[in-house]
PDB file of N, CA and C in Angstrom:
ATOM      1  N   UNK A   1       0.823  -1.185   0.000  1.00  0.00           N
ATOM      2  CA  UNK A   1       0.000   0.000   0.000  1.00  0.00           C
ATOM      3  C   UNK A   1       0.868   1.250   0.000  1.00  0.00           C
ATOM      4  N   UNK A   2       0.358   2.275  -0.644  1.00  0.00           N
ATOM      5  CA  UNK A   2       1.068   3.554  -0.681  1.00  0.00           C
ATOM      6  C   UNK A   2       0.564   4.446   0.440  1.00  0.00           C
ATOM      7  N   UNK A   3       1.474   5.259   0.953  1.00  0.00           N
ATOM      8  CA  UNK A   3       1.064   6.230   1.954  1.00  0.00           C
ATOM      9  C   UNK A   3       0.365   7.392   1.250  1.00  0.00           C
ATOM     10  N   UNK A   4      -0.296   8.214   2.012  1.00  0.00           N
ATOM     11  CA  UNK A   4      -0.990   9.377   1.454  1.00  0.00           C
ATOM     12  C   UNK A   4       0.017  10.307   0.775  1.00  0.00           C
ATOM     13  N   UNK A   5       1.174  10.520   1.407  1.00  0.00           N
ATOM     14  CA  UNK A   5       2.190  11.397   0.815  1.00  0.00           C
ATOM     15  C   UNK A   5       2.712  10.850  -0.508  1.00  0.00           C
ATOM     16  N   UNK A   6       2.871   9.530  -0.612  1.00  0.00           N
ATOM     17  CA  UNK A   6       3.330   8.929  -1.867  1.00  0.00           C
ATOM     18  C   UNK A   6       2.281   9.107  -2.961  1.00  0.00           C
ATOM     19  N   UNK A   7       1.023   8.907  -2.622  1.00  0.00           N
ATOM     20  CA  UNK A   7      -0.048   9.085  -3.609  1.00  0.00           C
ATOM     21  C   UNK A   7      -0.141  10.535  -4.071  1.00  0.00           C
ATOM     22  N   UNK A   8      -0.011  11.464  -3.127  1.00  0.00           N
ATOM     23  CA  UNK A   8      -0.028  12.882  -3.500  1.00  0.00           C
ATOM     24  C   UNK A   8       1.157  13.230  -4.397  1.00  0.00           C
ATOM     25  N   UNK A   9       2.323  12.672  -4.081  1.00  0.00           N
ATOM     26  CA  UNK A   9       3.503  12.924  -4.910  1.00  0.00           C
ATOM     27  C   UNK A   9       3.326  12.416  -6.326  1.00  0.00           C
ATOM     28  N   UNK A  10       2.756  11.229  -6.470  1.00  0.00           N
ATOM     29  CA  UNK A  10       2.509  10.660  -7.799  1.00  0.00           C
ATOM     30  C   UNK A  10       1.497  11.513  -8.560  1.00  0.00           C
ATOM     31  N   UNK A  11       0.429  11.913  -7.892  1.00  0.00           N
ATOM     32  CA  UNK A  11      -0.572  12.771  -8.555  1.00  0.00           C
ATOM     33  C   UNK A  11       0.020  14.124  -8.934  1.00  0.00           C
ATOM     34  N   UNK A  12       0.882  14.673  -8.085  1.00  0.00           N
ATOM     35  CA  UNK A  12       1.537  15.949  -8.413  1.00  0.00           C
ATOM     36  C   UNK A  12       2.399  15.819  -9.661  1.00  0.00           C
ATOM     37  N   UNK A  13       3.176  14.741  -9.742  1.00  0.00           N
ATOM     38  CA  UNK A  13       4.051  14.550 -10.903  1.00  0.00           C
ATOM     39  C   UNK A  13       3.222  14.338 -12.169  1.00  0.00           C
ATOM     40  N   UNK A  14       2.142  13.588 -12.075  1.00  0.00           N
ATOM     41  CA  UNK A  14       1.266  13.384 -13.244  1.00  0.00           C
ATOM     42  C   UNK A  14       0.627  14.698 -13.687  1.00  0.00           C
ATOM     43  N   UNK A  15       0.208  15.507 -12.730  1.00  0.00           N
ATOM     44  CA  UNK A  15      -0.360  16.822 -13.063  1.00  0.00           C
ATOM     45  C   UNK A  15       0.698  17.714 -13.698  1.00  0.00           C
ATOM     46  N   UNK A  16       1.915  17.698 -13.161  1.00  0.00           N
ATOM     47  CA  UNK A  16       3.020  18.479 -13.719  1.00  0.00           C
ATOM     48  C   UNK A  16       3.278  18.063 -15.166  1.00  0.00           C
ATOM     49  N   UNK A  17       3.277  16.754 -15.418  1.00  0.00           N
ATOM     50  CA  UNK A  17       3.518  16.259 -16.773  1.00  0.00           C
ATOM     51  C   UNK A  17       2.417  16.733 -17.716  1.00  0.00           C
ATOM     52  N   UNK A  18       1.176  16.708 -17.234  1.00  0.00           N
ATOM     53  CA  UNK A  18       0.054  17.166 -18.063  1.00  0.00           C
ATOM     54  C   UNK A  18       0.196  18.652 -18.385  1.00  0.00           C
ATOM     55  N   UNK A  19       0.593  19.449 -17.404  1.00  0.00           N
ATOM     56  CA  UNK A  19       0.819  20.885 -17.637  1.00  0.00           C
ATOM     57  C   UNK A  19       1.932  21.077 -18.656  1.00  0.00           C
ATOM     58  N   UNK A  20       2.980  20.291 -18.522  1.00  0.00           N
ATOM     59  CA  UNK A  20       4.138  20.399 -19.410  1.00  0.00           C
ATOM     60  C   UNK A  20       3.786  20.071 -20.861  1.00  0.00           C
ATOM     61  N   UNK A  21       3.003  19.014 -21.068  1.00  0.00           N
ATOM     62  CA  UNK A  21       2.710  18.579 -22.430  1.00  0.00           C
ATOM     63  C   UNK A  21       1.512  19.280 -23.062  1.00  0.00           C
ATOM     64  N   UNK A  22       0.548  19.727 -22.265  1.00  0.00           N
ATOM     65  CA  UNK A  22      -0.614  20.418 -22.838  1.00  0.00           C
ATOM     66  C   UNK A  22      -0.457  21.935 -22.813  1.00  0.00           C
ATOM     67  N   UNK A  23       0.509  22.424 -22.024  1.00  0.00           N
ATOM     68  CA  UNK A  23       0.761  23.857 -21.855  1.00  0.00           C
ATOM     69  C   UNK A  23      -0.449  24.579 -21.266  1.00  0.00           C
ATOM     70  N   UNK A  24      -1.245  23.846 -20.504  1.00  0.00           N
ATOM     71  CA  UNK A  24      -2.425  24.395 -19.847  1.00  0.00           C
ATOM     72  C   UNK A  24      -2.434  23.990 -18.390  1.00  0.00           C
ATOM     73  N   UNK A  25      -2.851  24.772 -17.475  1.00  0.00           N
ATOM     74  CA  UNK A  25      -3.208  26.184 -17.591  1.00  0.00           C
ATOM     75  C   UNK A  25      -1.963  27.040 -17.845  1.00  0.00           C
ATOM     76  N   UNK A  26      -2.137  28.033 -18.652  1.00  0.00           N
ATOM     77  CA  UNK A  26      -1.022  28.872 -19.096  1.00  0.00           C
ATOM     78  C   UNK A  26      -0.306  29.543 -17.936  1.00  0.00           C
ATOM     79  N   UNK A  27      -1.038  29.910 -16.894  1.00  0.00           N
ATOM     80  CA  UNK A  27      -0.414  30.609 -15.767  1.00  0.00           C
ATOM     81  C   UNK A  27       0.621  29.721 -15.070  1.00  0.00           C
ATOM     82  N   UNK A  28       0.364  28.425 -14.964  1.00  0.00           N
ATOM     83  CA  UNK A  28       1.346  27.509 -14.371  1.00  0.00           C
ATOM     84  C   UNK A  28       2.455  27.165 -15.367  1.00  0.00           C
ATOM     85  N   UNK A  29       2.081  26.958 -16.627  1.00  0.00           N
ATOM     86  CA  UNK A  29       3.087  26.619 -17.643  1.00  0.00           C
ATOM     87  C   UNK A  29       4.116  27.745 -17.793  1.00  0.00           C
ATOM     88  N   UNK A  30       3.679  28.979 -17.720  1.00  0.00           N
ATOM     89  CA  UNK A  30       4.583  30.116 -17.881  1.00  0.00           C
ATOM     90  C   UNK A  30       5.548  30.273 -16.707  1.00  0.00           C
ATOM     91  N   UNK A  31       5.249  29.663 -15.567  1.00  0.00           N
ATOM     92  CA  UNK A  31       6.140  29.731 -14.416  1.00  0.00           C
ATOM     93  C   UNK A  31       7.310  28.752 -14.540  1.00  0.00           C
ATOM     94  N   UNK A  32       7.204  27.794 -15.453  1.00  0.00           N
ATOM     95  CA  UNK A  32       8.257  26.798 -15.628  1.00  0.00           C
ATOM     96  C   UNK A  32       9.381  27.380 -16.470  1.00  0.00           C
ATOM     97  N   UNK A  33      10.606  27.133 -16.049  1.00  0.00           N
ATOM     98  CA  UNK A  33      11.765  27.638 -16.785  1.00  0.00           C
ATOM     99  C   UNK A  33      12.716  26.479 -17.093  1.00  0.00           C
ATOM    100  N   UNK A  34      12.617  25.914 -18.308  1.00  0.00           N
ATOM    101  CA  UNK A  34      13.520  24.822 -18.656  1.00  0.00           C
ATOM    102  C   UNK A  34      14.985  25.272 -18.647  1.00  0.00           C
ATOM    103  N   UNK A  35      15.855  24.380 -18.265  1.00  0.00           N
ATOM    104  CA  UNK A  35      17.285  24.686 -18.236  1.00  0.00           C
ATOM    105  C   UNK A  35      17.767  25.042 -19.640  1.00  0.00           C
ATOM    106  N   UNK A  36      17.169  24.441 -20.662  1.00  0.00           N
ATOM    107  CA  UNK A  36      17.585  24.713 -22.043  1.00  0.00           C
ATOM    108  C   UNK A  36      17.360  26.168 -22.447  1.00  0.00           C
ATOM    109  N   UNK A  37      16.508  26.911 -21.733  1.00  0.00           N
ATOM    110  CA  UNK A  37      16.267  28.322 -22.038  1.00  0.00           C
ATOM    111  C   UNK A  37      17.251  29.252 -21.337  1.00  0.00           C
ATOM    112  N   UNK A  38      18.104  28.717 -20.468  1.00  0.00           N
ATOM    113  CA  UNK A  38      19.056  29.540 -19.733  1.00  0.00           C
ATOM    114  C   UNK A  38      20.230  29.973 -20.601  1.00  0.00           C
ATOM    115  N   UNK A  39      20.671  29.076 -21.458  1.00  0.00           N
ATOM    116  CA  UNK A  39      21.829  29.391 -22.299  1.00  0.00           C
ATOM    117  C   UNK A  39      21.721  28.644 -23.616  1.00  0.00           C
ATOM    118  N   UNK A  40      22.609  28.920 -24.539  1.00  0.00           N
ATOM    119  CA  UNK A  40      22.548  28.303 -25.857  1.00  0.00           C
ATOM    120  C   UNK A  40      23.416  27.059 -25.968  1.00  0.00           C
ATOM    121  N   UNK A  41      24.156  26.728 -24.927  1.00  0.00           N
ATOM    122  CA  UNK A  41      25.013  25.542 -24.964  1.00  0.00           C
ATOM    123  C   UNK A  41      24.167  24.290 -24.793  1.00  0.00           C
ATOM    124  N   UNK A  42      24.509  23.251 -25.538  1.00  0.00           N
ATOM    125  CA  UNK A  42      23.789  21.990 -25.433  1.00  0.00           C
ATOM    126  C   UNK A  42      24.509  21.082 -24.442  1.00  0.00           C
ATOM    127  N   UNK A  43      24.242  21.278 -23.175  1.00  0.00           N
ATOM    128  CA  UNK A  43      24.847  20.440 -22.147  1.00  0.00           C
ATOM    129  C   UNK A  43      23.958  19.225 -21.896  1.00  0.00           C
ATOM    130  N   UNK A  44      24.519  18.208 -21.241  1.00  0.00           N
ATOM    131  CA  UNK A  44      23.725  17.017 -20.935  1.00  0.00           C
ATOM    132  C   UNK A  44      22.523  17.372 -20.063  1.00  0.00           C
ATOM    133  N   UNK A  45      22.737  18.250 -19.104  1.00  0.00           N
ATOM    134  CA  UNK A  45      21.660  18.623 -18.195  1.00  0.00           C
ATOM    135  C   UNK A  45      20.563  19.405 -18.925  1.00  0.00           C
ATOM    136  N   UNK A  46      20.959  20.241 -19.861  1.00  0.00           N
ATOM    137  CA  UNK A  46      19.982  21.059 -20.583  1.00  0.00           C
ATOM    138  C   UNK A  46      19.147  20.222 -21.552  1.00  0.00           C
ATOM    139  N   UNK A  47      19.708  19.148 -22.083  1.00  0.00           N
ATOM    140  CA  UNK A  47      18.975  18.328 -23.038  1.00  0.00           C
ATOM    141  C   UNK A  47      18.145  17.240 -22.364  1.00  0.00           C
ATOM    142  N   UNK A  48      18.160  17.172 -21.039  1.00  0.00           N
ATOM    143  CA  UNK A  48      17.407  16.152 -20.308  1.00  0.00           C
ATOM    144  C   UNK A  48      15.976  16.563 -20.003  1.00  0.00           C
ATOM    145  N   UNK A  49      15.515  17.691 -20.461  1.00  0.00           N
ATOM    146  CA  UNK A  49      14.150  18.154 -20.191  1.00  0.00           C
ATOM    147  C   UNK A  49      13.965  18.442 -18.701  1.00  0.00           C
ATOM    148  N   UNK A  50      14.946  19.130 -18.116  1.00  0.00           N
ATOM    149  CA  UNK A  50      14.882  19.488 -16.703  1.00  0.00           C
ATOM    150  C   UNK A  50      14.554  20.967 -16.557  1.00  0.00           C
ATOM    151  N   UNK A  51      14.251  21.356 -15.331  1.00  0.00           N
ATOM    152  CA  UNK A  51      13.815  22.718 -15.067  1.00  0.00           C
ATOM    153  C   UNK A  51      14.715  23.391 -14.050  1.00  0.00           C
ATOM    154  N   UNK A  52      14.915  24.680 -14.249  1.00  0.00           N
ATOM    155  CA  UNK A  52      15.746  25.466 -13.343  1.00  0.00           C
ATOM    156  C   UNK A  52      15.000  25.676 -12.034  1.00  0.00           C
ATOM    157  N   UNK A  53      15.723  25.461 -10.943  1.00  0.00           N
ATOM    158  CA  UNK A  53      15.161  25.678  -9.614  1.00  0.00           C
ATOM    159  C   UNK A  53      16.028  26.700  -8.902  1.00  0.00           C
ATOM    160  N   UNK A  54      15.487  27.881  -8.715  1.00  0.00           N
ATOM    161  CA  UNK A  54      16.215  28.891  -7.954  1.00  0.00           C
ATOM    162  C   UNK A  54      16.238  28.475  -6.492  1.00  0.00           C
ATOM    163  N   UNK A  55      17.277  28.872  -5.789  1.00  0.00           N
ATOM    164  CA  UNK A  55      17.386  28.518  -4.379  1.00  0.00           C
ATOM    165  C   UNK A  55      16.238  29.192  -3.623  1.00  0.00           C
ATOM    166  N   UNK A  56      15.413  28.383  -2.941  1.00  0.00           N
ATOM    167  CA  UNK A  56      14.275  28.976  -2.220  1.00  0.00           C
ATOM    168  C   UNK A  56      14.740  29.726  -0.979  1.00  0.00           C
ATOM    169  N   UNK A  57      14.160  30.884  -0.760  1.00  0.00           N
ATOM    170  CA  UNK A  57      14.515  31.683   0.417  1.00  0.00           C
ATOM    171  C   UNK A  57      13.617  31.387   1.611  1.00  0.00           C
ATOM    172  N   UNK A  58      12.461  30.796   1.343  1.00  0.00           N
ATOM    173  CA  UNK A  58      11.539  30.487   2.438  1.00  0.00           C
ATOM    174  C   UNK A  58      11.040  29.048   2.295  1.00  0.00           C
ATOM    175  N   UNK A  59      10.514  28.520   3.381  1.00  0.00           N
ATOM    176  CA  UNK A  59       9.949  27.173   3.346  1.00  0.00           C
ATOM    177  C   UNK A  59       8.673  27.119   2.521  1.00  0.00           C
ATOM    178  N   UNK A  60       7.943  28.217   2.463  1.00  0.00           N
ATOM    179  CA  UNK A  60       6.713  28.216   1.671  1.00  0.00           C
ATOM    180  C   UNK A  60       7.029  28.067   0.179  1.00  0.00           C
ATOM    181  N   UNK A  61       8.179  28.589  -0.250  1.00  0.00           N
ATOM    182  CA  UNK A  61       8.585  28.410  -1.645  1.00  0.00           C
ATOM    183  C   UNK A  61       8.869  26.944  -1.920  1.00  0.00           C
ATOM    184  N   UNK A  62       9.511  26.250  -0.983  1.00  0.00           N
ATOM    185  CA  UNK A  62       9.795  24.823  -1.160  1.00  0.00           C
ATOM    186  C   UNK A  62       8.519  24.005  -1.271  1.00  0.00           C
ATOM    187  N   UNK A  63       7.458  24.469  -0.634  1.00  0.00           N
ATOM    188  CA  UNK A  63       6.197  23.735  -0.628  1.00  0.00           C
ATOM    189  C   UNK A  63       5.279  24.114  -1.784  1.00  0.00           C
ATOM    190  N   UNK A  64       5.654  25.127  -2.557  1.00  0.00           N
ATOM    191  CA  UNK A  64       4.828  25.564  -3.684  1.00  0.00           C
ATOM    192  C   UNK A  64       4.763  24.460  -4.741  1.00  0.00           C
ATOM    193  N   UNK A  65       3.623  24.335  -5.391  1.00  0.00           N
ATOM    194  CA  UNK A  65       3.409  23.271  -6.371  1.00  0.00           C
ATOM    195  C   UNK A  65       4.481  23.265  -7.454  1.00  0.00           C
ATOM    196  N   UNK A  66       4.756  24.413  -8.051  1.00  0.00           N
ATOM    197  CA  UNK A  66       5.706  24.443  -9.177  1.00  0.00           C
ATOM    198  C   UNK A  66       7.107  24.063  -8.728  1.00  0.00           C
ATOM    199  N   UNK A  67       7.528  24.488  -7.546  1.00  0.00           N
ATOM    200  CA  UNK A  67       8.881  24.169  -7.083  1.00  0.00           C
ATOM    201  C   UNK A  67       9.021  22.685  -6.746  1.00  0.00           C
ATOM    202  N   UNK A  68       8.096  22.171  -5.947  1.00  0.00           N
ATOM    203  CA  UNK A  68       8.263  20.786  -5.490  1.00  0.00           C
ATOM    204  C   UNK A  68       8.065  19.783  -6.625  1.00  0.00           C
ATOM    205  N   UNK A  69       7.151  20.077  -7.560  1.00  0.00           N
ATOM    206  CA  UNK A  69       6.956  19.142  -8.665  1.00  0.00           C
ATOM    207  C   UNK A  69       8.073  19.239  -9.695  1.00  0.00           C
ATOM    208  N   UNK A  70       8.626  20.433  -9.913  1.00  0.00           N
ATOM    209  CA  UNK A  70       9.778  20.555 -10.816  1.00  0.00           C
ATOM    210  C   UNK A  70      10.981  19.820 -10.234  1.00  0.00           C
ATOM    211  N   UNK A  71      11.169  19.895  -8.924  1.00  0.00           N
ATOM    212  CA  UNK A  71      12.273  19.165  -8.272  1.00  0.00           C
ATOM    213  C   UNK A  71      12.059  17.664  -8.409  1.00  0.00           C
ATOM    214  N   UNK A  72      10.829  17.209  -8.229  1.00  0.00           N
ATOM    215  CA  UNK A  72      10.535  15.783  -8.377  1.00  0.00           C
ATOM    216  C   UNK A  72      10.726  15.344  -9.828  1.00  0.00           C
ATOM    217  N   UNK A  73      10.294  16.172 -10.775  1.00  0.00           N
ATOM    218  CA  UNK A  73      10.451  15.865 -12.208  1.00  0.00           C
ATOM    219  C   UNK A  73      11.937  15.763 -12.570  1.00  0.00           C
ATOM    220  N   UNK A  74      12.744  16.684 -12.059  1.00  0.00           N
ATOM    221  CA  UNK A  74      14.181  16.667 -12.349  1.00  0.00           C
ATOM    222  C   UNK A  74      14.848  15.404 -11.821  1.00  0.00           C
ATOM    223  N   UNK A  75      14.293  14.822 -10.771  1.00  0.00           N
ATOM    224  CA  UNK A  75      14.907  13.633 -10.184  1.00  0.00           C
ATOM    225  C   UNK A  75      14.507  12.339 -10.902  1.00  0.00           C
ATOM    226  N   UNK A  76      13.527  12.410 -11.804  1.00  0.00           N
ATOM    227  CA  UNK A  76      13.103  11.215 -12.540  1.00  0.00           C
ATOM    228  C   UNK A  76      14.127  10.846 -13.606  1.00  0.00           C
ATOM    229  N   UNK A  77      14.252   9.548 -13.916  1.00  0.00           N
ATOM    230  CA  UNK A  77      15.122   9.142 -15.031  1.00  0.00           C
ATOM    231  C   UNK A  77      14.608   9.721 -16.352  1.00  0.00           C
ATOM    232  N   UNK A  78      15.533  10.033 -17.258  1.00  0.00           N
ATOM    233  CA  UNK A  78      15.157  10.663 -18.529  1.00  0.00           C
ATOM    234  C   UNK A  78      14.193   9.785 -19.335  1.00  0.00           C
ATOM    235  N   UNK A  79      14.414   8.498 -19.327  1.00  0.00           N
ATOM    236  CA  UNK A  79      13.540   7.593 -20.072  1.00  0.00           C
ATOM    237  C   UNK A  79      12.097   7.654 -19.589  1.00  0.00           C
ATOM    238  N   UNK A  80      11.914   7.869 -18.319  1.00  0.00           N
ATOM    239  CA  UNK A  80      10.569   7.968 -17.748  1.00  0.00           C
ATOM    240  C   UNK A  80       9.896   9.270 -18.170  1.00  0.00           C
ATOM    241  N   UNK A  81      10.662  10.335 -18.286  1.00  0.00           N
ATOM    242  CA  UNK A  81      10.106  11.639 -18.656  1.00  0.00           C
ATOM    243  C   UNK A  81       9.574  11.676 -20.082  1.00  0.00           C
ATOM    244  N   UNK A  82      10.090  10.828 -20.947  1.00  0.00           N
ATOM    245  CA  UNK A  82       9.737  10.893 -22.367  1.00  0.00           C
ATOM    246  C   UNK A  82       8.704   9.856 -22.799  1.00  0.00           C
ATOM    247  N   UNK A  83       8.141   9.112 -21.868  1.00  0.00           N
ATOM    248  CA  UNK A  83       7.162   8.070 -22.202  1.00  0.00           C
ATOM    249  C   UNK A  83       5.792   8.659 -22.522  1.00  0.00           C
ATOM    250  N   UNK A  84       4.961   7.833 -23.156  1.00  0.00           N
ATOM    251  CA  UNK A  84       3.575   8.239 -23.391  1.00  0.00           C
ATOM    252  C   UNK A  84       2.853   8.284 -22.051  1.00  0.00           C
ATOM    253  N   UNK A  85       1.704   8.935 -22.020  1.00  0.00           N
ATOM    254  CA  UNK A  85       0.980   9.135 -20.760  1.00  0.00           C
ATOM    255  C   UNK A  85       0.587   7.803 -20.111  1.00  0.00           C
ATOM    256  N   UNK A  86       0.104   6.844 -20.906  1.00  0.00           N
ATOM    257  CA  UNK A  86      -0.318   5.559 -20.359  1.00  0.00           C
ATOM    258  C   UNK A  86       0.870   4.818 -19.737  1.00  0.00           C
ATOM    259  N   UNK A  87       1.980   4.773 -20.449  1.00  0.00           N
ATOM    260  CA  UNK A  87       3.181   4.107 -19.939  1.00  0.00           C
ATOM    261  C   UNK A  87       3.753   4.866 -18.752  1.00  0.00           C
ATOM    262  N   UNK A  88       3.671   6.176 -18.805  1.00  0.00           N
ATOM    263  CA  UNK A  88       4.286   7.008 -17.778  1.00  0.00           C
ATOM    264  C   UNK A  88       3.737   6.691 -16.396  1.00  0.00           C
ATOM    265  N   UNK A  89       2.436   6.636 -16.263  1.00  0.00           N
ATOM    266  CA  UNK A  89       1.846   6.427 -14.947  1.00  0.00           C
ATOM    267  C   UNK A  89       2.228   5.059 -14.374  1.00  0.00           C
ATOM    268  N   UNK A  90       2.185   4.021 -15.198  1.00  0.00           N
ATOM    269  CA  UNK A  90       2.558   2.687 -14.733  1.00  0.00           C
ATOM    270  C   UNK A  90       4.031   2.629 -14.341  1.00  0.00           C
ATOM    271  N   UNK A  91       4.889   3.201 -15.170  1.00  0.00           N
ATOM    272  CA  UNK A  91       6.327   3.173 -14.877  1.00  0.00           C
ATOM    273  C   UNK A  91       6.670   4.071 -13.693  1.00  0.00           C
ATOM    274  N   UNK A  92       5.942   5.165 -13.527  1.00  0.00           N
ATOM    275  CA  UNK A  92       6.157   6.036 -12.371  1.00  0.00           C
ATOM    276  C   UNK A  92       5.822   5.292 -11.083  1.00  0.00           C
ATOM    277  N   UNK A  93       4.718   4.556 -11.081  1.00  0.00           N
ATOM    278  CA  UNK A  93       4.350   3.772  -9.906  1.00  0.00           C
ATOM    279  C   UNK A  93       5.435   2.733  -9.600  1.00  0.00           C
ATOM    280  N   UNK A  94       5.945   2.069 -10.629  1.00  0.00           N
ATOM    281  CA  UNK A  94       7.011   1.083 -10.429  1.00  0.00           C
ATOM    282  C   UNK A  94       8.285   1.752  -9.924  1.00  0.00           C
ATOM    283  N   UNK A  95       8.605   2.919 -10.480  1.00  0.00           N
ATOM    284  CA  UNK A  95       9.801   3.654 -10.063  1.00  0.00           C
ATOM    285  C   UNK A  95       9.689   4.076  -8.594  1.00  0.00           C
ATOM    286  N   UNK A  96       8.532   4.593  -8.214  1.00  0.00           N
ATOM    287  CA  UNK A  96       8.327   5.015  -6.828  1.00  0.00           C
ATOM    288  C   UNK A  96       8.375   3.817  -5.876  1.00  0.00           C
ATOM    289  N   UNK A  97       7.840   2.692  -6.318  1.00  0.00           N
ATOM    290  CA  UNK A  97       7.885   1.478  -5.508  1.00  0.00           C
ATOM    291  C   UNK A  97       9.330   1.027  -5.302  1.00  0.00           C
ATOM    292  N   UNK A  98      10.125   1.104  -6.364  1.00  0.00           N
ATOM    293  CA  UNK A  98      11.544   0.734  -6.262  1.00  0.00           C
ATOM    294  C   UNK A  98      12.319   1.677  -5.358  1.00  0.00           C
ATOM    295  N   UNK A  99      11.930   2.954  -5.357  1.00  0.00           N
ATOM    296  CA  UNK A  99      12.624   3.939  -4.528  1.00  0.00           C
ATOM    297  C   UNK A  99      12.377   3.708  -3.035  1.00  0.00           C
ATOM    298  N   UNK A 100      11.211   3.166  -2.692  1.00  0.00           N
ATOM    299  CA  UNK A 100      10.881   2.982  -1.277  1.00  0.00           C
ATOM    300  C   UNK A 100      11.386   1.651  -0.724  1.00  0.00           C
ATOM    301  N   UNK A 101      11.772   0.729  -1.612  1.00  0.00           N
ATOM    302  CA  UNK A 101      12.276  -0.564  -1.115  1.00  0.00           C
ATOM    303  C   UNK A 101      13.763  -0.610  -1.075  1.00  0.00           C
TER     304      UNK A 101
END
């Protein structure tokens, strides 16, 4: 069984992925800053579809949806980030299960 926090984390990541791929709602999508937009160099980190996370000055920033889900997204394996939606959810559940064991 999953804990409530694990289920919320999975739902947050799925919602983040939906925002990322549908670009809706625009207000949340516009808050995301991909690392690839920071500079013109093609580094490994920039081509991994990761997001820039500024150092949070307060605990409330760490708890904000965009910050915590972008941090969780950045920690996912690249292969998981590029899957179709149906595969993504199943593989995310397996990945989270592996992380807790």
